[in-house]
Amino acid sequence: MIKVDVKGCESFVDSAKYQDYVNKAFEAFDTLKDETGAGNDFLGWKKLPRQITERELRDYEAIRDKWIRKGVDLVIAIGIGGSYLGAKCVMEALSHNFAKQLKRKDAPEVIFAGNNLSEEYLAEMMDLAQERNVACIVISKSGTTTEPAVAFRIVKQYLEARYGKAEASDRIVAITDAKKGALKTLATQENYESFVVPDNVGGRFSVLTPVGLLPICVAGFDIHALVAGALDAMKGLEIKSERNPAVIYAAMRNLLHAEYGFGTEILVNYNPKLTYVAEWWKQLYGESEGKDGKGIFPASVNNTADLHSMGQFIQEGSRVMFETVLHVERAQRSVVIESDNQNLDQLNFLAGKHVEHCNHMAELGTRLAHIDGGVPQMQVSMEKVDAFNIGGLLYFFEFACGISAYILGVNPFNQPGVEAYKKNMFALLNKPGYEEATAALKARL
């Protein structure tokens, strides 16, 4: 079970005000549970851990096994935003840090495309594809979002040229709308195996749908344990209590922001495997809360490395931020520091200690220093970095996000501002139908 500790905030906040925000969190909890708030038609993610069947998980495993039989060793997963960040963060968390260098090949390597428009990236990705045995997962509700659509056009044409249309179709899986859209139409025409992006689950909440589970499975990770961890977290989080970690987290972050002016939250980790968990978290909270002139700005650092870069600002810069520290209770590998006869580095006082013990002391020392420097601290704890605990962590952050955004007074499940850049981009690319906008933008340049 995920645990939240807010003792590092107690010197910054009034206890009575905190209780007020716990009560606000209870109201938001009821809104989320009863599905009576804004965006309530996008709450399908809440029930996923109970609804995912063993049959679904075996279907994903069947695709992985089929591609392994074909000798596939590279799968290009095409998607943007929530259509790749959830899978990416789980894979990075569960991977050996040096799997590529060790050339481990228990399952295909999964790489990502369609999350940028860099010509160099796509060209270099195709350099890799020419050296490998390739398949593709394409993820898009509509099939017309520019970044993934461009990448898929390139990859599709390459697969058809290399393997022929029939074999290419057996190497492409589409995750898209159940009934409509360009990708659905193409998948039907070309006989791609397909899975559905649920209508009631937004992209940033979609890691426990085929959007996340299929790429994670194909990469060789335990999706059964991932779902089990989310289900375990769900059982605890749906209990309305002052001990509910989602209630505690949502109440404190909104109190710090609304009453004390802390407008930036920094998610801090002390394990490099969690770097992309922070990237996923930034999208989840940034896109869910950043609207209507409101929101807590989500940022992240990777310690202890960033203590030698961002550490100075956090310690003594403008007092605009609070920190949420991802704490991993125990490492799964063991490295002990040995004694050295010369002791030139003066580290013999650490002889016999585990490196993770030193890491925990660096974490604790930093938290105390930052509290003294005027930075409130929350701690979110997980037992270890494995599929079960990562599943619980992701579901915790999703559930807490719904509560937090309702406290803030925004719809957690829309993203109207994302469309502005698309309209400008289409106009500047001379897309048919945008002629008036094209002329208006060019007049500004």
Protein backbone atom coordinates (compact mmCIF):
# COMPACT_ATOMS: atom_id res chain seq x y z
CA MET A 1 0.00 0.00 0.00
CA ILE A 2 1.25 3.48 -0.85
CA LYS A 3 1.84 5.65 2.22
CA VAL A 4 1.91 9.45 2.49
CA ASP A 5 3.77 11.31 5.25
CA VAL A 6 3.13 15.05 5.66
CA LYS A 7 5.18 15.68 8.82
CA GLY A 8 7.56 17.77 6.73
CA CYS A 9 4.74 20.26 6.14
CA GLU A 10 3.60 20.65 9.74
CA SER A 11 5.86 23.61 10.53
CA PHE A 12 4.45 25.49 7.52
CA VAL A 13 0.70 25.06 7.96
CA ASP A 14 -1.96 25.63 10.58
CA SER A 15 -3.47 22.32 11.75
CA ALA A 16 -7.01 23.72 11.74
CA LYS A 17 -6.63 24.84 8.13
CA TYR A 18 -5.31 21.42 7.24
CA GLN A 19 -8.45 19.88 8.70
CA ASP A 20 -10.51 22.28 6.59
CA TYR A 21 -8.77 20.92 3.49
CA VAL A 22 -9.28 17.33 4.60
CA ASN A 23 -12.98 18.17 4.69
CA LYS A 24 -12.69 19.67 1.19
CA ALA A 25 -10.94 16.47 0.11
CA PHE A 26 -13.83 14.43 1.54
CA GLU A 27 -16.28 16.46 -0.52
CA ALA A 28 -14.14 15.93 -3.62
CA PHE A 29 -13.82 12.23 -2.75
CA ASP A 30 -17.61 11.93 -2.71
CA THR A 31 -17.84 13.76 -6.03
CA LEU A 32 -15.32 11.37 -7.56
CA LYS A 33 -16.86 8.25 -6.04
CA ASP A 34 -20.45 9.21 -6.90
CA GLU A 35 -19.39 10.40 -10.37
CA THR A 36 -21.31 13.66 -10.08
CA GLY A 37 -18.56 16.13 -11.00
CA ALA A 38 -17.34 17.76 -14.18
CA GLY A 39 -15.98 15.25 -16.67
CA ASN A 40 -17.85 12.35 -15.08
CA ASP A 41 -18.11 10.66 -18.47
CA PHE A 42 -14.34 10.05 -18.33
CA LEU A 43 -14.18 8.02 -15.13
CA GLY A 44 -13.72 4.58 -16.64
CA TRP A 45 -10.13 4.45 -15.32
CA LYS A 46 -11.45 4.20 -11.74
CA LYS A 47 -12.85 0.71 -12.28
CA LEU A 48 -10.17 -0.77 -14.52
CA PRO A 49 -8.26 -2.78 -11.90
CA ARG A 50 -11.44 -4.77 -11.15
CA GLN A 51 -12.59 -5.03 -14.75
CA ILE A 52 -9.42 -6.27 -16.45
CA THR A 53 -9.80 -9.99 -17.11
CA GLU A 54 -7.24 -12.76 -17.38
CA ARG A 55 -8.49 -13.28 -20.94
CA GLU A 56 -7.48 -9.73 -21.86
CA LEU A 57 -4.02 -10.16 -20.39
CA ARG A 58 -3.57 -13.47 -22.23
CA ASP A 59 -4.57 -11.75 -25.50
CA TYR A 60 -1.68 -9.31 -25.05
CA GLU A 61 0.67 -12.16 -24.21
CA ALA A 62 -0.44 -14.01 -27.36
CA ILE A 63 0.68 -11.08 -29.51
CA ARG A 64 4.02 -10.97 -27.71
CA ASP A 65 4.49 -14.71 -28.20
CA LYS A 66 3.50 -14.58 -31.87
CA TRP A 67 6.00 -11.84 -32.59
CA ILE A 68 8.73 -13.68 -30.69
CA ARG A 69 8.07 -16.74 -32.88
CA LYS A 70 8.55 -14.51 -35.91
CA GLY A 71 11.88 -13.39 -34.54
CA VAL A 72 10.70 -9.81 -33.89
CA ASP A 73 13.27 -8.04 -31.74
CA LEU A 74 12.11 -4.42 -32.17
CA VAL A 75 8.59 -3.10 -31.64
CA ILE A 76 7.86 0.52 -32.51
CA ALA A 77 5.07 1.83 -30.27
CA ILE A 78 3.53 4.92 -31.84
CA GLY A 79 1.58 7.37 -29.69
CA ILE A 80 1.79 10.74 -27.96
CA GLY A 81 1.06 12.03 -24.46
CA GLY A 82 -0.82 9.46 -22.43
CA SER A 83 -0.57 7.07 -25.36
CA TYR A 84 3.09 6.51 -24.59
CA LEU A 85 4.10 8.02 -21.22
CA GLY A 86 2.34 5.40 -19.08
CA ALA A 87 3.98 2.50 -20.89
CA LYS A 88 7.31 4.30 -21.00
CA CYS A 89 7.36 5.01 -17.26
CA VAL A 90 6.52 1.41 -16.35
CA MET A 91 9.15 -0.01 -18.71
CA GLU A 92 11.85 2.33 -17.44
CA ALA A 93 10.96 1.53 -13.83
CA LEU A 94 11.11 -2.22 -14.36
CA SER A 95 14.08 -2.43 -16.73
CA HIS A 96 17.63 -3.29 -15.79
CA ASN A 97 19.50 0.02 -15.99
CA PHE A 98 21.98 -1.49 -18.46
CA ALA A 99 19.80 -4.00 -20.30
CA LYS A 100 20.87 -2.68 -23.72
CA GLN A 101 24.55 -2.93 -22.93
CA LEU A 102 24.09 -6.43 -21.53
CA LYS A 103 22.18 -7.32 -24.73
CA ARG A 104 19.41 -9.12 -22.89
CA LYS A 105 16.81 -10.44 -25.32
CA ASP A 106 14.10 -12.11 -23.28
CA ALA A 107 11.51 -10.10 -25.21
CA PRO A 108 11.47 -7.57 -28.06
CA GLU A 109 12.87 -4.13 -27.39
CA VAL A 110 10.09 -1.53 -27.42
CA ILE A 111 10.93 1.98 -28.63
CA PHE A 112 8.60 4.94 -29.03
CA ALA A 113 7.68 7.17 -31.95
CA GLY A 114 4.94 9.65 -32.72
CA ASN A 115 5.70 11.74 -29.64
CA ASN A 116 7.69 14.36 -31.57
CA LEU A 117 8.11 15.79 -35.07
CA SER A 118 11.89 15.57 -35.19
CA GLU A 119 13.07 14.52 -38.63
CA GLU A 120 16.41 13.41 -37.23
CA TYR A 121 14.71 11.19 -34.63
CA LEU A 122 12.55 9.46 -37.24
CA ALA A 123 15.44 9.03 -39.68
CA GLU A 124 17.66 7.53 -36.99
CA MET A 125 14.82 5.29 -35.80
CA MET A 126 14.52 3.93 -39.33
CA ASP A 127 18.29 3.35 -39.38
CA LEU A 128 17.71 1.06 -36.40
CA ALA A 129 14.67 -0.59 -38.00
CA GLN A 130 16.75 -1.64 -41.00
CA GLU A 131 19.05 -3.59 -38.69
CA ARG A 132 16.29 -5.34 -36.77
CA ASN A 133 13.21 -7.55 -37.15
CA VAL A 134 10.34 -5.10 -36.70
CA ALA A 135 6.70 -4.93 -35.62
CA CYS A 136 4.51 -1.95 -34.68
CA ILE A 137 1.84 -0.94 -32.18
CA VAL A 138 0.00 2.22 -33.25
CA ILE A 139 -2.12 4.03 -30.66
CA SER A 140 -4.53 6.78 -31.64
CA LYS A 141 -8.22 7.37 -30.94
CA SER A 142 -8.74 9.20 -34.22
CA GLY A 143 -5.77 8.24 -36.36
CA THR A 144 -5.36 11.86 -37.42
CA THR A 145 -3.28 13.36 -34.59
CA THR A 146 -0.33 14.79 -36.48
CA GLU A 147 2.69 13.42 -34.60
CA PRO A 148 1.63 9.75 -34.42
CA ALA A 149 -0.02 9.85 -37.85
CA VAL A 150 3.22 11.05 -39.48
CA ALA A 151 5.26 8.38 -37.70
CA PHE A 152 2.79 5.62 -38.57
CA ARG A 153 2.67 6.58 -42.24
CA ILE A 154 6.45 6.21 -42.39
CA VAL A 155 6.59 2.95 -40.42
CA LYS A 156 3.63 1.39 -42.25
CA GLN A 157 5.14 2.10 -45.65
CA TYR A 158 8.47 0.68 -44.50
CA LEU A 159 6.92 -2.54 -43.15
CA GLU A 160 4.89 -3.08 -46.32
CA ALA A 161 7.93 -2.50 -48.54
CA ARG A 162 10.10 -4.84 -46.48
CA TYR A 163 7.69 -7.67 -45.61
CA GLY A 164 4.80 -7.30 -48.07
CA LYS A 165 1.30 -6.11 -47.23
CA ALA A 166 -0.01 -9.38 -45.80
CA GLU A 167 2.95 -9.94 -43.48
CA ALA A 168 3.05 -6.25 -42.54
CA SER A 169 -0.58 -6.53 -41.44
CA ASP A 170 0.42 -9.37 -39.12
CA ARG A 171 3.12 -7.13 -37.64
CA ILE A 172 0.86 -4.15 -36.92
CA VAL A 173 -1.56 -3.88 -34.00
CA ALA A 174 -3.90 -0.87 -33.77
CA ILE A 175 -5.26 0.48 -30.49
CA THR A 176 -8.02 2.87 -31.47
CA ASP A 177 -11.72 3.73 -31.33
CA ALA A 178 -14.23 0.88 -31.30
CA LYS A 179 -16.30 2.16 -34.21
CA LYS A 180 -15.00 5.28 -35.94
CA GLY A 181 -11.97 7.25 -37.05
CA ALA A 182 -9.23 7.02 -39.66
CA LEU A 183 -7.18 4.40 -37.81
CA LYS A 184 -10.22 2.21 -37.14
CA THR A 185 -11.10 2.37 -40.84
CA LEU A 186 -7.56 1.47 -41.87
CA ALA A 187 -7.33 -1.36 -39.32
CA THR A 188 -10.53 -2.89 -40.71
CA GLN A 189 -9.36 -2.51 -44.31
CA GLU A 190 -5.93 -3.99 -43.66
CA ASN A 191 -7.07 -6.65 -41.16
CA TYR A 192 -4.86 -5.40 -38.32
CA GLU A 193 -5.41 -7.01 -34.96
CA SER A 194 -7.06 -4.28 -32.90
CA PHE A 195 -7.86 -3.26 -29.35
CA VAL A 196 -10.14 -0.50 -28.16
CA VAL A 197 -9.28 2.77 -26.46
CA PRO A 198 -12.24 3.03 -24.06
CA ASP A 199 -14.46 6.06 -24.69
CA ASN A 200 -14.61 6.83 -20.95
CA VAL A 201 -10.84 6.81 -20.30
CA GLY A 202 -8.70 9.83 -21.20
CA GLY A 203 -5.19 9.34 -22.51
CA ARG A 204 -3.32 10.35 -19.37
CA PHE A 205 -5.38 7.84 -17.33
CA SER A 206 -4.99 5.02 -19.86
CA VAL A 207 -1.97 3.05 -18.62
CA LEU A 208 -4.19 0.16 -17.46
CA THR A 209 -5.96 -0.12 -20.83
CA PRO A 210 -4.47 -1.76 -23.95
CA VAL A 211 -2.73 1.59 -24.53
CA GLY A 212 -0.28 0.80 -21.74
CA LEU A 213 -0.69 -2.90 -21.07
CA LEU A 214 0.09 -4.18 -24.59
CA PRO A 215 3.44 -2.39 -25.03
CA ILE A 216 4.43 -3.24 -21.43
CA CYS A 217 3.56 -6.91 -22.04
CA VAL A 218 5.36 -7.08 -25.39
CA ALA A 219 8.47 -5.68 -23.69
CA GLY A 220 8.43 -8.68 -21.35
CA PHE A 221 7.11 -7.24 -18.11
CA ASP A 222 4.58 -8.74 -15.71
CA ILE A 223 1.25 -7.08 -16.46
CA HIS A 224 -0.55 -9.47 -14.09
CA ALA A 225 1.45 -8.07 -11.16
CA LEU A 226 0.98 -4.51 -12.43
CA VAL A 227 -2.81 -4.88 -12.44
CA ALA A 228 -2.77 -6.69 -9.08
CA GLY A 229 -0.87 -3.78 -7.54
CA ALA A 230 -3.38 -1.29 -8.91
CA LEU A 231 -6.25 -3.39 -7.54
CA ASP A 232 -4.62 -3.56 -4.12
CA ALA A 233 -4.25 0.23 -4.09
CA MET A 234 -7.80 0.70 -5.31
CA LYS A 235 -9.23 -1.27 -2.39
CA GLY A 236 -7.57 1.04 0.12
CA LEU A 237 -8.15 4.29 -1.75
CA GLU A 238 -11.91 3.85 -2.09
CA ILE A 239 -12.30 3.97 1.71
CA LYS A 240 -13.26 7.46 2.89
CA SER A 241 -10.89 8.12 5.78
CA GLU A 242 -8.44 10.71 7.08
CA ARG A 243 -5.82 7.96 6.72
CA ASN A 244 -6.55 7.54 3.00
CA PRO A 245 -3.25 8.50 1.32
CA ALA A 246 -5.02 10.13 -1.65
CA VAL A 247 -7.06 12.30 0.73
CA ILE A 248 -3.93 13.30 2.67
CA TYR A 249 -1.94 14.11 -0.48
CA ALA A 250 -4.71 16.06 -2.21
CA ALA A 251 -5.61 18.02 0.92
CA MET A 252 -2.04 19.04 1.75
CA ARG A 253 -0.98 20.03 -1.76
CA ASN A 254 -4.08 22.23 -2.17
CA LEU A 255 -3.61 23.76 1.29
CA LEU A 256 0.01 24.65 0.54
CA HIS A 257 -1.01 26.20 -2.75
CA ALA A 258 -4.21 28.05 -1.87
CA GLU A 259 -3.40 29.29 1.63
CA TYR A 260 0.39 29.66 1.61
CA GLY A 261 1.24 30.53 -1.97
CA PHE A 262 3.32 27.49 -2.93
CA GLY A 263 2.50 27.29 -6.63
CA THR A 264 5.04 24.68 -7.77
CA GLU A 265 5.27 21.05 -6.73
CA ILE A 266 8.54 19.24 -7.34
CA LEU A 267 8.36 15.46 -7.50
CA VAL A 268 11.69 14.15 -6.21
CA ASN A 269 13.09 10.67 -6.68
CA TYR A 270 16.28 9.02 -5.50
CA ASN A 271 16.16 6.09 -7.92
CA PRO A 272 16.91 6.64 -11.63
CA LYS A 273 14.34 4.00 -12.52
CA LEU A 274 11.61 6.45 -11.48
CA THR A 275 12.61 9.28 -13.81
CA TYR A 276 9.81 8.56 -16.26
CA VAL A 277 7.28 8.05 -13.48
CA ALA A 278 7.86 11.76 -12.85
CA GLU A 279 7.38 12.53 -16.56
CA TRP A 280 4.08 10.64 -16.53
CA TRP A 281 3.06 12.40 -13.27
CA LYS A 282 3.79 15.81 -14.80
CA GLN A 283 1.41 15.15 -17.66
CA LEU A 284 -1.24 13.71 -15.34
CA TYR A 285 -1.30 16.71 -13.01
CA GLY A 286 -0.34 19.41 -15.50
CA GLU A 287 -3.03 18.50 -18.02
CA SER A 288 -5.64 17.70 -15.39
CA GLU A 289 -5.26 20.82 -13.24
CA GLY A 290 -3.73 23.50 -15.46
CA LYS A 291 -6.80 25.31 -16.74
CA ASP A 292 -9.16 28.20 -15.96
CA GLY A 293 -6.16 30.22 -14.73
CA LYS A 294 -5.61 27.67 -11.95
CA GLY A 295 -3.28 24.84 -11.07
CA ILE A 296 -0.12 23.78 -9.25
CA PHE A 297 2.83 23.69 -11.63
CA PRO A 298 4.35 20.16 -11.72
CA ALA A 299 8.14 19.85 -11.94
CA SER A 300 10.62 17.11 -11.07
CA VAL A 301 14.22 16.43 -10.10
CA ASN A 302 16.35 13.29 -9.93
CA ASN A 303 18.44 13.18 -6.79
CA THR A 304 21.13 12.94 -5.71
CA ALA A 305 22.32 14.08 -9.17
CA ASP A 306 20.17 17.23 -9.22
CA LEU A 307 21.35 18.26 -5.76
CA HIS A 308 24.48 19.37 -7.61
CA SER A 309 22.47 21.45 -10.09
CA MET A 310 18.95 22.36 -8.93
CA GLY A 311 19.81 21.87 -5.26
CA GLN A 312 21.06 25.43 -4.79
CA PHE A 313 17.85 26.98 -6.08
CA ILE A 314 15.63 24.68 -4.05
CA GLN A 315 17.64 25.36 -0.91
CA GLU A 316 17.94 29.14 -1.16
CA GLY A 317 15.99 30.44 -4.16
CA SER A 318 12.54 32.02 -4.26
CA ARG A 319 10.12 30.28 -1.91
CA VAL A 320 7.54 29.18 -4.47
CA MET A 321 7.76 25.40 -4.26
CA PHE A 322 7.07 22.41 -2.10
CA GLU A 323 8.48 18.94 -2.65
CA THR A 324 6.91 15.49 -2.81
CA VAL A 325 9.59 12.84 -2.33
CA LEU A 326 9.14 9.38 -3.82
CA HIS A 327 10.62 7.10 -1.18
CA VAL A 328 11.52 3.50 -1.97
CA GLU A 329 11.76 1.53 1.25
CA ARG A 330 14.18 -1.12 0.07
CA ALA A 331 16.40 -1.91 -2.88
CA GLN A 332 16.21 -5.26 -4.64
CA ARG A 333 19.96 -5.54 -5.21
CA SER A 334 22.78 -5.48 -2.69
CA VAL A 335 26.05 -3.52 -2.92
CA VAL A 336 28.11 -3.13 0.26
CA ILE A 337 30.90 -0.56 0.63
CA GLU A 338 34.17 -2.26 1.58
CA SER A 339 37.06 -0.95 3.69
CA ASP A 340 40.16 0.36 1.89
CA ASN A 341 43.62 0.19 3.46
CA GLN A 342 44.72 3.63 2.24
CA ASN A 343 41.39 5.35 2.87
CA LEU A 344 42.45 8.24 0.62
CA ASP A 345 38.80 9.08 -0.04
CA GLN A 346 38.14 9.07 3.74
CA LEU A 347 35.14 6.80 3.34
CA ASN A 348 36.12 3.97 5.68
CA PHE A 349 33.47 5.20 8.10
CA LEU A 350 30.99 3.76 5.57
CA ALA A 351 32.64 0.32 5.46
CA GLY A 352 30.10 -2.45 5.84
CA LYS A 353 27.13 -0.23 4.92
CA HIS A 354 24.85 -0.78 1.95
CA VAL A 355 24.84 1.91 -0.74
CA GLU A 356 21.06 2.17 -0.38
CA HIS A 357 21.52 3.07 3.30
CA CYS A 358 23.70 5.99 2.18
CA ASN A 359 21.06 6.92 -0.40
CA HIS A 360 18.36 6.98 2.30
CA MET A 361 20.52 9.17 4.54
CA ALA A 362 21.12 11.56 1.63
CA GLU A 363 17.35 11.67 1.10
CA LEU A 364 16.62 12.30 4.78
CA GLY A 365 19.39 14.87 5.12
CA THR A 366 18.13 16.73 2.06
CA ARG A 367 14.55 16.74 3.29
CA LEU A 368 15.63 18.25 6.63
CA ALA A 369 17.85 20.83 4.91
CA HIS A 370 15.05 21.89 2.58
CA ILE A 371 12.57 22.17 5.44
CA ASP A 372 15.07 24.44 7.20
CA GLY A 373 15.38 26.39 3.96
CA GLY A 374 11.63 26.99 3.76
CA VAL A 375 10.49 24.17 1.47
CA PRO A 376 7.59 22.03 2.76
CA GLN A 377 8.06 18.29 2.30
CA MET A 378 5.68 15.41 1.64
CA GLN A 379 6.81 11.83 1.27
CA VAL A 380 5.09 9.19 -0.86
CA SER A 381 6.44 5.73 0.03
CA MET A 382 6.41 2.44 -1.84
CA GLU A 383 7.97 -0.81 -0.66
CA LYS A 384 10.18 -1.49 -3.69
CA VAL A 385 10.36 -0.87 -7.42
CA ASP A 386 8.53 -3.83 -8.94
CA ALA A 387 5.46 -4.30 -11.10
CA PHE A 388 3.07 -4.70 -8.16
CA ASN A 389 4.21 -1.51 -6.42
CA ILE A 390 4.41 0.53 -9.63
CA GLY A 391 0.82 -0.47 -10.42
CA GLY A 392 -0.23 0.76 -6.98
CA LEU A 393 1.72 4.00 -7.32
CA LEU A 394 0.19 4.90 -10.67
CA TYR A 395 -3.36 4.21 -9.48
CA PHE A 396 -2.71 6.22 -6.31
CA PHE A 397 -1.62 9.26 -8.30
CA GLU A 398 -4.61 8.95 -10.64
CA PHE A 399 -7.12 8.72 -7.80
CA ALA A 400 -5.49 11.56 -5.88
CA CYS A 401 -5.48 13.68 -9.04
CA GLY A 402 -9.25 13.42 -9.35
CA ILE A 403 -9.72 14.50 -5.72
CA SER A 404 -7.15 17.29 -5.98
CA ALA A 405 -8.57 18.79 -9.17
CA TYR A 406 -12.09 18.83 -7.74
CA ILE A 407 -10.77 20.66 -4.65
CA LEU A 408 -9.12 23.13 -7.02
CA GLY A 409 -12.42 23.62 -8.84
CA VAL A 410 -11.53 22.40 -12.33
CA ASN A 411 -12.59 19.54 -14.60
CA PRO A 412 -9.78 16.99 -14.24
CA PHE A 413 -10.63 15.15 -17.43
CA ASN A 414 -10.60 17.68 -20.27
CA GLN A 415 -7.76 19.58 -21.95
CA PRO A 416 -9.24 22.38 -24.06
CA GLY A 417 -6.00 24.36 -24.17
CA VAL A 418 -4.14 21.61 -26.04
CA GLU A 419 -6.05 22.43 -29.22
CA ALA A 420 -4.61 25.94 -29.60
CA TYR A 421 -1.17 24.89 -30.83
CA LYS A 422 -2.71 22.36 -33.22
CA LYS A 423 -4.81 25.00 -34.94
CA ASN A 424 -1.79 27.25 -35.38
CA MET A 425 0.37 24.37 -36.62
CA PHE A 426 -2.23 23.31 -39.19
CA ALA A 427 -2.58 26.89 -40.40
CA LEU A 428 1.19 27.32 -40.76
CA LEU A 429 1.39 24.00 -42.63
CA ASN A 430 -1.29 25.23 -45.07
CA LYS A 431 -3.77 22.49 -44.20
CA PRO A 432 -6.91 22.78 -46.38
CA GLY A 433 -9.71 24.55 -44.53
CA TYR A 434 -7.33 26.76 -42.53
CA GLU A 435 -6.75 29.44 -45.19
CA GLU A 436 -8.17 32.30 -43.12
CA ALA A 437 -6.12 31.32 -40.06
CA THR A 438 -3.03 30.92 -42.25
CA ALA A 439 -3.36 34.46 -43.54
CA ALA A 440 -3.96 35.86 -40.04
CA LEU A 441 -0.91 34.10 -38.58
CA LYS A 442 1.39 35.06 -41.45
CA ALA A 443 0.35 38.68 -40.96
CA ARG A 444 1.70 38.45 -37.40
CA LEU A 445 5.09 37.07 -38.42
